[in-house]
Amino acid sequence: MGISDSQGPRTADLPGAPAHTSASQDRRSAARVLLRVHGLSKSFAGTKALDGVGFEVNAGDVVSVVGQNGSGKSTLVKVLAGIHTPDPGAVIEHRDIRFIHQDLGLVPGLSTIENLDIARPLGRRGFWPAKSREELLAAERMIRRFGGDFDVTEPIARITAAERTLVAIARAMSDWSPTGNVLVLDEPTAALGAAESELLFDAVRTVAAEGAGVVFISHRLDEVLGLSDRVVALRDGRLVADVPAGEVDHDRLVDLIAGSELAEFRMEHADERGRPMLRARGLVTDVLRGVDLDIHEGEVVGVCGLLGSGREHLAAVLFGAMERHAGTVTAFERPLKAADPARSIRHGLAYVPADRLRQGAVMTMTATENLTLPWLRPLRSAFGSLDRAAERGEARAWTDRVALRPPQPDRPLRLFSGGNQQKIVMAKWLRMAPAVLLLDEPTQGVDIAAKAAIHQLIAEARAAGTGVLVSSTDTREILDLCDRVLILRDGRVSAELSRHELSEARLISESLGLSTTSAPSDPHD
């Protein structure tokens, strides 16, 4: 999701957009079209990723582009950014475009200050370098603008995925004049919770009101409905709808995106708890301040909280992927050492991190190699060498089970869509039949079909007796999956909600620390 100042393909430049004068003017006047796409096709090795796509973005409009992974959304963005050249015959007219891409484009070894300062100095300009104090204060102001509150001197590699997202957003919008130009956001809220996302939406609404056109791409359909003026739906590279947002609801969007392919998912919940599988007491880290937690056999425990609440650290600390300063973690009453993932695996724990590209998988390896990497012992011959035939058989069984698309386990993982990559990350741990499955943003950045498939895998693990923890910023996901939910605020568990107490309003209000007197509603209402 890194910023790009690329102008993209200028098949024909639009004339200068008129100055923004009043929000009450007709925002959809043809004279104020800032982006026009007509007959856009793009082929790769004879396969059309885009096929005759066309739409317009007007000044003041937020146009959401939706579709499954592989529908053509990413190709569209790359064509607009000038990364891909469209097939002959496409007409693309636009003003200045800024991009926030899925790949954040941040330098892991540099701090937030340095990443913000790469394209432009944060302090005084000219011959004299910026003072470090000025840079620090400028970076802190930019991050706070989007709800962040973390150490801007820390290397990017040491902050959370959500915090990295805020850095990319702050960098993209730091010195941009929106009037008459276009902002393209590709999955900007994938690592953000509802409250942090709303801060971004406020910024998007502001730039639209100032005369920008906005293209917003998200798998979170509630965000699409809440933010958009129009919705453009792609399926298999073709435009299947271009409609006012007020004319569609959540179910209609699902139909447009998936057609008849998507089977309805519904988790079966039980009132009885099984035996304790994992217990944590008094967890203390730089962020957590004495967290207690129990996960029982066949139970799905949700964890919610704002950015900085500790939610984004908890699963990693339980697994031993992050250091803890104090507290205990036990599996089946056996203590687990701090920062010892290998011991956690031996005691039946599995962990799916939020950042699958850097922590969840090895993208240069094949799907087969990623699947078998955590547990090679049963695939070794009597002489200790890897039995390739057994490995291929194991990979085929699991890629069939998770419906990998395309069904090519020998293909490098980086060549699969995000949803199919995540299926492999899930499958590599599920094949070990873990006692406890720790999931951090398990469906972040995947389409609705992949999300339903991953939720089904979680349901199957739960039915087999696995205790599951789901840390997620997606409130609908929490409502769909969880038997019980812990709310973290300021590093502590501020509330624990049972299944019958769950509602989206309750989750949000508890995360914000607001009291609520309304009765909980059915989470599927």
Protein backbone atom coordinates (compact mmCIF):
# COMPACT_ATOMS: atom_id res chain seq x y z
CA MET A 1 0.00 0.00 0.00
CA GLY A 2 2.93 2.30 -0.54
CA ILE A 3 2.42 5.76 -1.97
CA SER A 4 2.97 6.18 -5.69
CA ASP A 5 3.15 9.54 -7.45
CA SER A 6 2.94 7.82 -10.83
CA GLN A 7 0.68 9.51 -13.32
CA GLY A 8 -0.17 6.17 -14.94
CA PRO A 9 -1.04 5.83 -18.63
CA ARG A 10 -2.16 9.16 -20.05
CA THR A 11 -3.98 7.95 -23.15
CA ALA A 12 -5.67 11.34 -23.03
CA ASP A 13 -5.43 13.93 -20.29
CA LEU A 14 -8.63 15.40 -18.96
CA PRO A 15 -8.88 19.17 -19.19
CA GLY A 16 -8.22 21.12 -16.03
CA ALA A 17 -10.89 20.38 -13.49
CA PRO A 18 -12.88 23.41 -12.33
CA ALA A 19 -12.04 24.77 -8.91
CA HIS A 20 -14.07 23.35 -6.04
CA THR A 21 -16.62 25.95 -4.94
CA SER A 22 -19.48 24.39 -3.04
CA ALA A 23 -20.39 20.94 -1.77
CA SER A 24 -23.98 21.66 -2.79
CA GLN A 25 -23.05 21.81 -6.50
CA ASP A 26 -23.83 18.83 -8.70
CA ARG A 27 -20.92 16.51 -7.84
CA ARG A 28 -21.66 14.25 -10.74
CA SER A 29 -21.56 16.85 -13.52
CA ALA A 30 -19.87 15.48 -16.66
CA ALA A 31 -17.60 18.54 -16.69
CA ARG A 32 -16.04 17.37 -13.43
CA VAL A 33 -15.04 13.85 -14.46
CA LEU A 34 -11.55 13.29 -13.03
CA LEU A 35 -11.01 9.69 -14.15
CA ARG A 36 -12.54 8.04 -17.22
CA VAL A 37 -11.81 4.42 -18.15
CA HIS A 38 -13.28 2.90 -21.32
CA GLY A 39 -12.71 -0.47 -22.98
CA LEU A 40 -9.86 -1.40 -20.65
CA SER A 41 -8.47 -4.88 -21.27
CA LYS A 42 -5.23 -6.44 -20.07
CA SER A 43 -3.94 -9.85 -21.11
CA PHE A 44 -1.22 -12.03 -19.60
CA ALA A 45 -0.04 -15.00 -21.68
CA GLY A 46 -3.31 -15.07 -23.56
CA THR A 47 -5.50 -14.84 -20.45
CA LYS A 48 -7.51 -11.66 -19.96
CA ALA A 49 -7.20 -10.28 -16.44
CA LEU A 50 -9.40 -7.35 -17.52
CA ASP A 51 -11.91 -7.50 -20.33
CA GLY A 52 -13.50 -4.29 -21.61
CA VAL A 53 -13.83 -2.54 -18.23
CA GLY A 54 -15.18 1.00 -18.14
CA PHE A 55 -16.28 3.48 -15.45
CA GLU A 56 -15.91 7.11 -14.39
CA VAL A 57 -14.94 8.90 -11.18
CA ASN A 58 -16.28 12.42 -10.64
CA ALA A 59 -15.00 15.16 -8.37
CA GLY A 60 -16.39 14.62 -4.89
CA ASP A 61 -17.26 10.96 -5.52
CA VAL A 62 -16.06 7.91 -3.60
CA VAL A 63 -16.27 4.97 -6.00
CA SER A 64 -15.66 1.53 -4.49
CA VAL A 65 -14.33 -1.30 -6.63
CA VAL A 66 -15.28 -4.75 -5.31
CA GLY A 67 -14.64 -8.30 -6.44
CA GLN A 68 -13.04 -11.55 -5.40
CA ASN A 69 -9.30 -12.13 -5.53
CA GLY A 70 -8.56 -12.67 -9.20
CA SER A 71 -11.46 -10.50 -10.36
CA GLY A 72 -9.09 -7.90 -11.82
CA LYS A 73 -8.99 -5.26 -9.06
CA SER A 74 -5.23 -5.39 -8.57
CA THR A 75 -4.59 -5.40 -12.31
CA LEU A 76 -6.81 -2.33 -12.65
CA VAL A 77 -4.80 -0.46 -10.01
CA LYS A 78 -1.50 -1.45 -11.63
CA VAL A 79 -2.71 -0.24 -15.03
CA LEU A 80 -3.79 3.09 -13.55
CA ALA A 81 -0.41 3.39 -11.81
CA GLY A 82 1.48 2.69 -15.03
CA ILE A 83 2.94 -0.60 -13.80
CA HIS A 84 1.09 -2.54 -16.52
CA THR A 85 0.43 -1.34 -20.07
CA PRO A 86 -3.19 -1.92 -21.16
CA ASP A 87 -4.07 -3.84 -24.31
CA PRO A 88 -4.56 -1.71 -27.44
CA GLY A 89 -7.87 0.13 -27.65
CA ALA A 90 -8.17 1.18 -24.00
CA VAL A 91 -8.99 4.79 -23.23
CA ILE A 92 -7.83 6.11 -19.86
CA GLU A 93 -8.20 9.81 -19.08
CA HIS A 94 -7.27 11.21 -15.72
CA ARG A 95 -5.84 14.04 -13.67
CA ASP A 96 -3.08 13.56 -11.08
CA ILE A 97 -3.46 10.24 -9.19
CA ARG A 98 -2.01 9.23 -5.83
CA PHE A 99 -1.96 5.57 -4.78
CA ILE A 100 -1.86 3.67 -1.53
CA HIS A 101 -1.07 0.13 -2.66
CA GLN A 102 -1.47 -3.20 -0.89
CA ASP A 103 2.32 -3.44 -0.63
CA LEU A 104 3.05 -0.66 1.83
CA GLY A 105 6.40 0.17 0.26
CA LEU A 106 7.99 0.94 3.64
CA VAL A 107 11.64 0.28 4.48
CA PRO A 108 11.64 -2.17 7.45
CA GLY A 109 15.01 -1.08 8.83
CA LEU A 110 14.11 2.62 8.93
CA SER A 111 11.98 4.37 11.53
CA THR A 112 8.58 5.94 10.97
CA ILE A 113 10.30 9.34 10.85
CA GLU A 114 12.72 8.17 8.18
CA ASN A 115 10.01 6.47 6.11
CA LEU A 116 7.89 9.60 6.20
CA ASP A 117 10.95 11.65 5.29
CA ILE A 118 12.02 9.59 2.26
CA ALA A 119 9.95 11.53 -0.27
CA ARG A 120 9.96 14.91 1.48
CA PRO A 121 11.67 16.47 4.53
CA LEU A 122 9.46 16.78 7.60
CA GLY A 123 11.24 19.76 9.09
CA ARG A 124 12.88 22.82 7.55
CA ARG A 125 13.54 22.65 3.82
CA GLY A 126 16.31 24.10 1.73
CA PHE A 127 20.04 24.09 2.31
CA TRP A 128 19.90 23.35 6.02
CA PRO A 129 18.78 19.87 7.09
CA ALA A 130 15.72 19.47 9.24
CA LYS A 131 16.32 19.43 12.97
CA SER A 132 15.75 16.03 14.53
CA ARG A 133 13.33 17.56 17.07
CA GLU A 134 11.26 19.11 14.28
CA GLU A 135 11.19 15.82 12.42
CA LEU A 136 10.07 13.96 15.53
CA LEU A 137 7.21 16.36 16.26
CA ALA A 138 6.12 16.45 12.62
CA ALA A 139 6.03 12.65 12.42
CA GLU A 140 4.07 12.38 15.67
CA ARG A 141 1.50 14.92 14.41
CA MET A 142 1.05 13.02 11.16
CA ILE A 143 0.56 9.69 12.92
CA ARG A 144 -1.84 11.14 15.51
CA ARG A 145 -3.92 12.59 12.67
CA PHE A 146 -4.89 9.01 11.82
CA GLY A 147 -5.28 7.77 15.38
CA GLY A 148 -1.79 6.35 15.92
CA ASP A 149 0.06 6.57 19.22
CA PHE A 150 3.34 4.70 18.99
CA ASP A 151 7.09 5.38 19.06
CA VAL A 152 7.95 6.95 15.69
CA THR A 153 11.66 6.33 16.31
CA GLU A 154 11.22 2.53 16.28
CA PRO A 155 12.15 0.67 13.08
CA ILE A 156 9.14 -0.19 10.92
CA ALA A 157 9.97 -3.89 11.36
CA ARG A 158 9.21 -3.60 15.10
CA ILE A 159 5.77 -2.02 14.90
CA THR A 160 2.53 -3.84 14.17
CA ALA A 161 0.89 -4.34 10.79
CA ALA A 162 -1.83 -1.86 11.74
CA GLU A 163 0.73 0.74 12.75
CA ARG A 164 2.60 0.24 9.47
CA THR A 165 -0.65 0.88 7.63
CA LEU A 166 -1.04 4.20 9.41
CA VAL A 167 2.50 5.18 8.41
CA ALA A 168 1.71 4.49 4.74
CA ILE A 169 -1.54 6.46 4.91
CA ALA A 170 0.14 9.40 6.65
CA ARG A 171 2.91 9.44 4.05
CA ALA A 172 0.46 9.34 1.15
CA MET A 173 -1.65 12.24 2.39
CA SER A 174 0.96 14.44 4.03
CA ASP A 175 1.38 17.14 1.37
CA TRP A 176 -1.27 16.38 -1.23
CA SER A 177 -3.69 18.91 -2.67
CA PRO A 178 -6.86 16.92 -3.45
CA THR A 179 -8.76 19.46 -5.57
CA GLY A 180 -9.26 18.07 -9.07
CA ASN A 181 -7.14 14.98 -8.46
CA VAL A 182 -7.76 11.29 -7.69
CA LEU A 183 -6.81 9.19 -4.65
CA VAL A 184 -6.73 5.39 -5.08
CA LEU A 185 -6.77 3.32 -1.87
CA ASP A 186 -6.19 -0.43 -2.23
CA GLU A 187 -7.27 -2.28 0.96
CA PRO A 188 -6.21 0.58 3.28
CA THR A 189 -8.10 -0.76 6.31
CA ALA A 190 -7.01 -4.39 6.15
CA ALA A 191 -5.13 -4.13 9.46
CA LEU A 192 -7.35 -1.51 11.13
CA GLY A 193 -10.25 -1.84 13.53
CA ALA A 194 -13.57 -0.04 13.26
CA ALA A 195 -12.51 3.03 15.23
CA GLU A 196 -9.17 3.45 13.41
CA SER A 197 -10.87 2.87 10.06
CA GLU A 198 -13.40 5.61 10.81
CA LEU A 199 -10.53 8.07 11.22
CA LEU A 200 -9.35 7.15 7.74
CA PHE A 201 -12.89 7.44 6.37
CA ASP A 202 -13.16 10.94 7.82
CA ALA A 203 -9.99 11.86 5.92
CA VAL A 204 -11.37 10.29 2.73
CA ARG A 205 -14.65 12.20 3.07
CA THR A 206 -12.67 15.40 3.63
CA VAL A 207 -10.56 15.06 0.48
CA ALA A 208 -13.70 14.17 -1.52
CA ALA A 209 -15.48 17.26 -0.19
CA GLU A 210 -12.45 19.32 -1.24
CA GLY A 211 -12.90 18.20 -4.84
CA ALA A 212 -10.97 14.93 -5.14
CA GLY A 213 -12.22 11.76 -6.74
CA VAL A 214 -11.62 8.64 -4.66
CA VAL A 215 -11.31 5.02 -5.76
CA PHE A 216 -11.68 2.74 -2.73
CA ILE A 217 -10.95 -1.00 -2.86
CA SER A 218 -11.93 -3.18 0.08
CA HIS A 219 -13.13 -6.69 0.90
CA ARG A 220 -15.05 -5.29 3.86
CA LEU A 221 -18.48 -4.80 2.38
CA ASP A 222 -19.86 -2.83 5.31
CA GLU A 223 -17.12 -0.26 4.72
CA VAL A 224 -18.02 -0.12 1.04
CA LEU A 225 -21.67 0.53 1.83
CA GLY A 226 -20.89 3.13 4.48
CA LEU A 227 -18.37 5.16 2.50
CA SER A 228 -19.28 4.93 -1.17
CA ASP A 229 -21.30 7.01 -3.57
CA ARG A 230 -21.07 4.34 -6.25
CA VAL A 231 -20.00 0.70 -6.40
CA VAL A 232 -18.22 -0.91 -9.34
CA ALA A 233 -18.20 -4.74 -9.21
CA LEU A 234 -15.75 -6.90 -11.17
CA ARG A 235 -16.00 -10.64 -11.75
CA ASP A 236 -13.52 -12.65 -13.82
CA GLY A 237 -12.08 -9.44 -15.22
CA ARG A 238 -15.42 -8.09 -16.44
CA LEU A 239 -17.59 -5.27 -15.17
CA VAL A 240 -20.79 -6.78 -13.76
CA ALA A 241 -22.25 -3.69 -12.06
CA ASP A 242 -21.80 0.07 -11.74
CA VAL A 243 -24.56 1.22 -9.39
CA PRO A 244 -25.28 3.90 -6.77
CA ALA A 245 -24.33 2.59 -3.33
CA GLY A 246 -27.81 3.38 -2.04
CA GLU A 247 -29.30 0.80 -4.39
CA VAL A 248 -27.44 -2.20 -2.95
CA ASP A 249 -27.20 -3.85 0.46
CA HIS A 250 -24.75 -6.39 1.89
CA ASP A 251 -26.50 -9.44 0.43
CA ARG A 252 -26.79 -7.84 -3.00
CA LEU A 253 -23.07 -7.02 -2.98
CA VAL A 254 -22.27 -10.63 -2.13
CA ASP A 255 -24.38 -11.76 -5.10
CA LEU A 256 -22.62 -9.32 -7.43
CA ILE A 257 -19.17 -10.38 -6.28
CA ALA A 258 -19.55 -14.14 -5.98
CA GLY A 259 -22.60 -14.94 -8.10
CA SER A 260 -23.98 -18.32 -7.05
CA GLU A 261 -20.59 -19.69 -5.93
CA LEU A 262 -20.72 -18.74 -2.26
CA ALA A 263 -22.24 -21.17 0.23
CA GLU A 264 -23.64 -19.65 3.40
CA PHE A 265 -21.47 -20.14 6.48
CA ARG A 266 -22.93 -20.40 9.96
CA MET A 267 -20.96 -21.47 13.01
CA GLU A 268 -22.65 -23.90 15.36
CA HIS A 269 -22.16 -22.77 18.96
CA ALA A 270 -22.37 -24.93 22.07
CA ASP A 271 -23.19 -23.80 25.60
CA GLU A 272 -20.84 -26.31 27.24
CA ARG A 273 -17.12 -25.64 27.62
CA GLY A 274 -14.58 -28.41 27.30
CA ARG A 275 -11.45 -28.87 29.40
CA PRO A 276 -8.92 -26.01 29.63
CA MET A 277 -6.34 -26.15 26.84
CA LEU A 278 -4.39 -22.92 27.33
CA ARG A 279 -4.18 -20.62 30.33
CA ALA A 280 -2.41 -17.27 30.65
CA ARG A 281 -2.05 -15.30 33.87
CA GLY A 282 -0.67 -11.82 34.41
CA LEU A 283 0.84 -11.32 30.95
CA VAL A 284 3.00 -8.20 30.86
CA THR A 285 4.80 -6.80 27.82
CA ASP A 286 5.57 -3.29 26.64
CA VAL A 287 1.85 -3.05 25.82
CA LEU A 288 0.02 -5.72 27.86
CA ARG A 289 -0.53 -4.94 31.53
CA GLY A 290 -1.55 -8.09 33.31
CA VAL A 291 -3.80 -10.03 30.92
CA ASP A 292 -5.54 -13.24 32.04
CA LEU A 293 -6.98 -15.64 29.47
CA ASP A 294 -8.37 -19.17 29.21
CA ILE A 295 -9.08 -21.15 26.06
CA HIS A 296 -11.10 -24.36 26.38
CA GLU A 297 -11.44 -27.41 24.21
CA GLY A 298 -13.75 -26.80 21.26
CA GLU A 299 -14.16 -23.10 22.06
CA VAL A 300 -13.58 -20.03 19.88
CA VAL A 301 -12.47 -17.02 21.92
CA GLY A 302 -12.44 -13.64 20.23
CA VAL A 303 -10.19 -10.70 21.05
CA CYS A 304 -11.17 -7.13 20.13
CA GLY A 305 -9.67 -3.75 20.85
CA LEU A 306 -8.45 -0.53 19.32
CA LEU A 307 -5.02 -0.10 17.81
CA GLY A 308 -2.56 -0.02 20.72
CA SER A 309 -4.90 -1.86 23.10
CA GLY A 310 -2.69 -4.95 23.02
CA ARG A 311 -5.04 -6.94 20.79
CA GLU A 312 -2.48 -7.03 17.99
CA HIS A 313 0.20 -8.48 20.33
CA LEU A 314 -1.70 -11.08 22.34
CA ALA A 315 -1.61 -14.08 19.99
CA ALA A 316 2.10 -13.65 19.30
CA VAL A 317 2.89 -13.40 23.03
CA LEU A 318 0.89 -16.56 23.81
CA PHE A 319 2.75 -18.45 21.09
CA GLY A 320 6.17 -17.15 22.12
CA ALA A 321 6.75 -15.15 18.95
CA MET A 322 7.00 -12.00 21.10
CA GLU A 323 8.77 -11.57 24.43
CA ARG A 324 6.82 -11.25 27.67
CA HIS A 325 8.24 -9.50 30.70
CA ALA A 326 6.07 -11.23 33.30
CA GLY A 327 3.23 -13.70 33.60
CA THR A 328 2.75 -17.38 32.82
CA VAL A 329 1.37 -19.38 29.92
CA THR A 330 0.49 -23.05 30.36
CA ALA A 331 -0.78 -25.69 27.95
CA PHE A 332 -2.45 -28.66 29.68
CA GLU A 333 -0.96 -27.34 32.94
CA ARG A 334 2.57 -27.51 31.48
CA PRO A 335 4.42 -24.18 31.48
CA LEU A 336 5.53 -22.63 28.21
CA LYS A 337 8.71 -20.59 28.18
CA ALA A 338 8.64 -17.01 27.02
CA ALA A 339 9.82 -16.41 23.45
CA ASP A 340 10.11 -20.12 22.66
CA PRO A 341 7.89 -20.92 19.65
CA ALA A 342 9.48 -24.35 19.15
CA ARG A 343 8.38 -25.44 22.63
CA SER A 344 4.90 -24.04 21.97
CA ILE A 345 4.63 -26.12 18.80
CA ARG A 346 5.71 -29.26 20.68
CA HIS A 347 2.93 -28.58 23.19
CA GLY A 348 0.27 -28.35 20.51
CA LEU A 349 0.09 -24.62 19.72
CA ALA A 350 -0.15 -23.18 16.21
CA TYR A 351 -0.02 -19.51 15.25
CA VAL A 352 -1.20 -17.71 12.12
CA PRO A 353 0.20 -14.14 12.20
CA ALA A 354 -1.47 -11.10 10.68
CA ASP A 355 1.40 -10.47 8.24
CA ARG A 356 1.45 -13.60 6.09
CA LEU A 357 3.87 -12.11 3.53
CA ARG A 358 6.67 -11.58 6.06
CA GLN A 359 5.82 -13.91 8.94
CA GLY A 360 3.21 -16.43 7.85
CA ALA A 361 4.82 -18.10 4.85
CA VAL A 362 7.84 -18.23 2.56
CA MET A 363 6.55 -16.68 -0.64
CA THR A 364 9.41 -17.94 -2.83
CA MET A 365 8.68 -21.56 -1.84
CA THR A 366 5.91 -23.59 -3.43
CA ALA A 367 2.53 -24.23 -1.82
CA THR A 368 3.70 -27.82 -1.16
CA GLU A 369 6.88 -26.71 0.59
CA ASN A 370 4.97 -24.22 2.74
CA LEU A 371 2.42 -26.87 3.68
CA THR A 372 4.94 -29.44 4.85
CA LEU A 373 7.64 -27.17 6.28
CA PRO A 374 6.43 -27.08 9.93
CA TRP A 375 6.21 -30.88 10.23
CA LEU A 376 8.52 -32.93 8.05
CA ARG A 377 9.02 -35.90 10.37
CA PRO A 378 6.16 -38.09 9.05
CA LEU A 379 7.37 -37.48 5.49
CA ARG A 380 10.91 -38.74 6.01
CA SER A 381 12.12 -42.13 4.81
CA ALA A 382 13.76 -44.74 7.04
CA PHE A 383 17.11 -43.17 6.13
CA GLY A 384 16.06 -39.66 7.14
CA SER A 385 15.69 -38.15 3.69
CA LEU A 386 12.49 -36.44 2.60
CA ASP A 387 10.11 -38.79 0.77
CA ARG A 388 9.05 -36.59 -2.14
CA ALA A 389 6.21 -38.88 -3.17
CA ALA A 390 4.78 -38.80 0.35
CA GLU A 391 5.16 -35.01 0.41
CA ARG A 392 3.31 -34.64 -2.89
CA GLY A 393 0.52 -36.89 -1.65
CA GLU A 394 0.16 -34.90 1.57
CA ALA A 395 0.11 -31.65 -0.38
CA ARG A 396 -2.54 -32.91 -2.79
CA ALA A 397 -4.76 -34.01 0.09
CA TRP A 398 -4.58 -30.63 1.82
CA THR A 399 -4.83 -28.47 -1.29
CA ASP A 400 -7.97 -30.43 -2.21
CA ARG A 401 -9.34 -29.94 1.30
CA VAL A 402 -8.86 -26.17 1.23
CA ALA A 403 -9.92 -25.88 -2.44
CA LEU A 404 -6.68 -24.23 -3.58
CA ARG A 405 -7.19 -22.26 -6.81
CA PRO A 406 -5.58 -22.95 -9.14
CA PRO A 407 -4.98 -26.52 -7.86
CA GLN A 408 -1.24 -26.38 -8.51
CA PRO A 409 0.66 -27.16 -5.28
CA ASP A 410 4.03 -26.99 -7.04
CA ARG A 411 3.44 -23.35 -7.95
CA PRO A 412 5.36 -20.68 -5.95
CA LEU A 413 3.11 -19.31 -3.23
CA ARG A 414 3.69 -15.70 -4.31
CA LEU A 415 1.81 -16.44 -7.56
CA PHE A 416 -1.45 -17.27 -5.75
CA SER A 417 -4.06 -14.73 -4.72
CA GLY A 418 -4.07 -13.50 -1.12
CA GLY A 419 -7.01 -15.72 -0.20
CA ASN A 420 -5.33 -18.85 -1.54
CA GLN A 421 -2.07 -17.95 0.19
CA GLN A 422 -3.97 -17.69 3.46
CA LYS A 423 -5.59 -21.09 2.91
CA ILE A 424 -2.11 -22.61 2.68
CA VAL A 425 -0.97 -20.78 5.82
CA MET A 426 -3.99 -22.21 7.66
CA ALA A 427 -3.54 -25.69 6.21
CA LYS A 428 0.14 -25.99 7.18
CA TRP A 429 -0.86 -25.74 10.85
CA LEU A 430 -4.13 -27.66 10.66
CA ARG A 431 -2.34 -30.72 9.26
CA MET A 432 -0.56 -30.90 12.63
CA ALA A 433 -3.94 -31.21 14.43
CA PRO A 434 -3.09 -28.48 16.97
CA ALA A 435 -4.66 -28.42 20.41
CA VAL A 436 -4.76 -24.61 20.31
CA LEU A 437 -4.97 -22.48 17.19
CA LEU A 438 -3.99 -18.80 17.61
CA LEU A 439 -5.24 -16.64 14.75
CA ASP A 440 -4.33 -12.98 14.25
CA GLU A 441 -6.48 -11.38 11.52
CA PRO A 442 -7.15 -14.75 9.82
CA THR A 443 -9.06 -13.26 6.85
CA GLN A 444 -7.26 -9.95 6.44
CA GLY A 445 -7.15 -8.92 2.78
CA VAL A 446 -9.00 -11.95 1.38
CA ASP A 447 -12.20 -12.01 -0.65
CA ILE A 448 -15.58 -13.19 0.61
CA ALA A 449 -15.28 -16.67 -0.91
CA ALA A 450 -11.86 -17.26 0.68
CA LYS A 451 -13.16 -15.81 3.93
CA ALA A 452 -16.04 -18.28 3.98
CA ALA A 453 -13.62 -21.14 3.25
CA ILE A 454 -11.28 -20.09 6.08
CA HIS A 455 -14.19 -19.75 8.48
CA GLN A 456 -15.23 -23.28 7.54
CA LEU A 457 -11.71 -24.53 8.36
CA ILE A 458 -11.95 -22.84 11.77
CA ALA A 459 -15.35 -24.46 12.36
CA GLU A 460 -13.94 -27.88 11.48
CA ALA A 461 -10.98 -27.40 13.84
CA ARG A 462 -13.34 -26.36 16.62
CA ALA A 463 -15.56 -29.40 16.00
CA ALA A 464 -12.46 -31.61 16.31
CA GLY A 465 -11.82 -30.20 19.79
CA THR A 466 -9.24 -27.53 19.00
CA GLY A 467 -9.37 -24.44 21.17
CA VAL A 468 -9.24 -21.36 18.95
CA LEU A 469 -8.33 -17.73 19.61
CA VAL A 470 -9.37 -15.20 16.95
CA SER A 471 -7.90 -11.71 17.24
CA SER A 472 -9.62 -9.59 14.62
CA THR A 473 -10.53 -6.03 13.69
CA ASP A 474 -13.49 -7.39 11.69
CA THR A 475 -16.50 -7.20 14.02
CA ARG A 476 -18.67 -9.27 11.69
CA GLU A 477 -16.04 -12.01 11.79
CA ILE A 478 -16.01 -11.93 15.60
CA LEU A 479 -19.80 -12.15 15.71
CA ASP A 480 -19.89 -15.03 13.23
CA LEU A 481 -17.19 -17.16 14.88
CA CYS A 482 -16.86 -16.59 18.58
CA ASP A 483 -18.39 -18.20 21.68
CA ARG A 484 -16.88 -15.60 23.98
CA VAL A 485 -15.06 -12.29 23.40
CA LEU A 486 -12.45 -10.42 25.41
CA ILE A 487 -12.20 -6.65 24.93
CA LEU A 488 -8.74 -5.19 25.45
CA ARG A 489 -8.24 -1.54 26.32
CA ASP A 490 -4.97 0.06 27.41
CA GLY A 491 -3.30 -3.34 27.68
CA ARG A 492 -5.91 -4.85 30.00
CA VAL A 493 -9.03 -6.98 29.60
CA SER A 494 -11.74 -4.38 30.11
CA ALA A 495 -14.74 -6.63 29.39
CA GLU A 496 -15.64 -10.23 28.69
CA LEU A 497 -18.80 -10.87 26.67
CA SER A 498 -20.62 -14.16 26.39
CA ARG A 499 -22.26 -15.27 23.17
CA HIS A 500 -25.71 -13.92 24.08
CA GLU A 501 -24.22 -10.49 24.93
CA LEU A 502 -22.57 -9.99 21.53
CA SER A 503 -23.59 -7.30 19.07
CA GLU A 504 -21.62 -5.01 16.81
CA ALA A 505 -22.67 -1.96 18.81
CA ARG A 506 -21.58 -3.62 22.06
CA LEU A 507 -18.18 -4.59 20.66
CA ILE A 508 -17.48 -1.10 19.40
CA SER A 509 -18.75 0.69 22.52
CA GLU A 510 -16.75 -1.58 24.84
CA SER A 511 -13.61 -1.09 22.72
CA LEU A 512 -14.06 2.68 22.96
CA GLY A 513 -14.77 2.53 26.69
CA LEU A 514 -18.33 3.81 26.30
CA SER A 515 -21.13 2.55 28.53
CA THR A 516 -24.13 1.03 26.80
CA THR A 517 -27.57 0.36 28.17
CA SER A 518 -29.07 -1.12 25.01
CA ALA A 519 -29.94 -4.77 25.05
CA PRO A 520 -27.72 -6.95 22.88
CA SER A 521 -29.19 -7.98 19.58
CA ASP A 522 -28.84 -11.13 17.55
CA PRO A 523 -25.43 -10.80 15.86
CA HIS A 524 -26.92 -12.04 12.61
CA ASP A 525 -29.72 -9.45 12.53
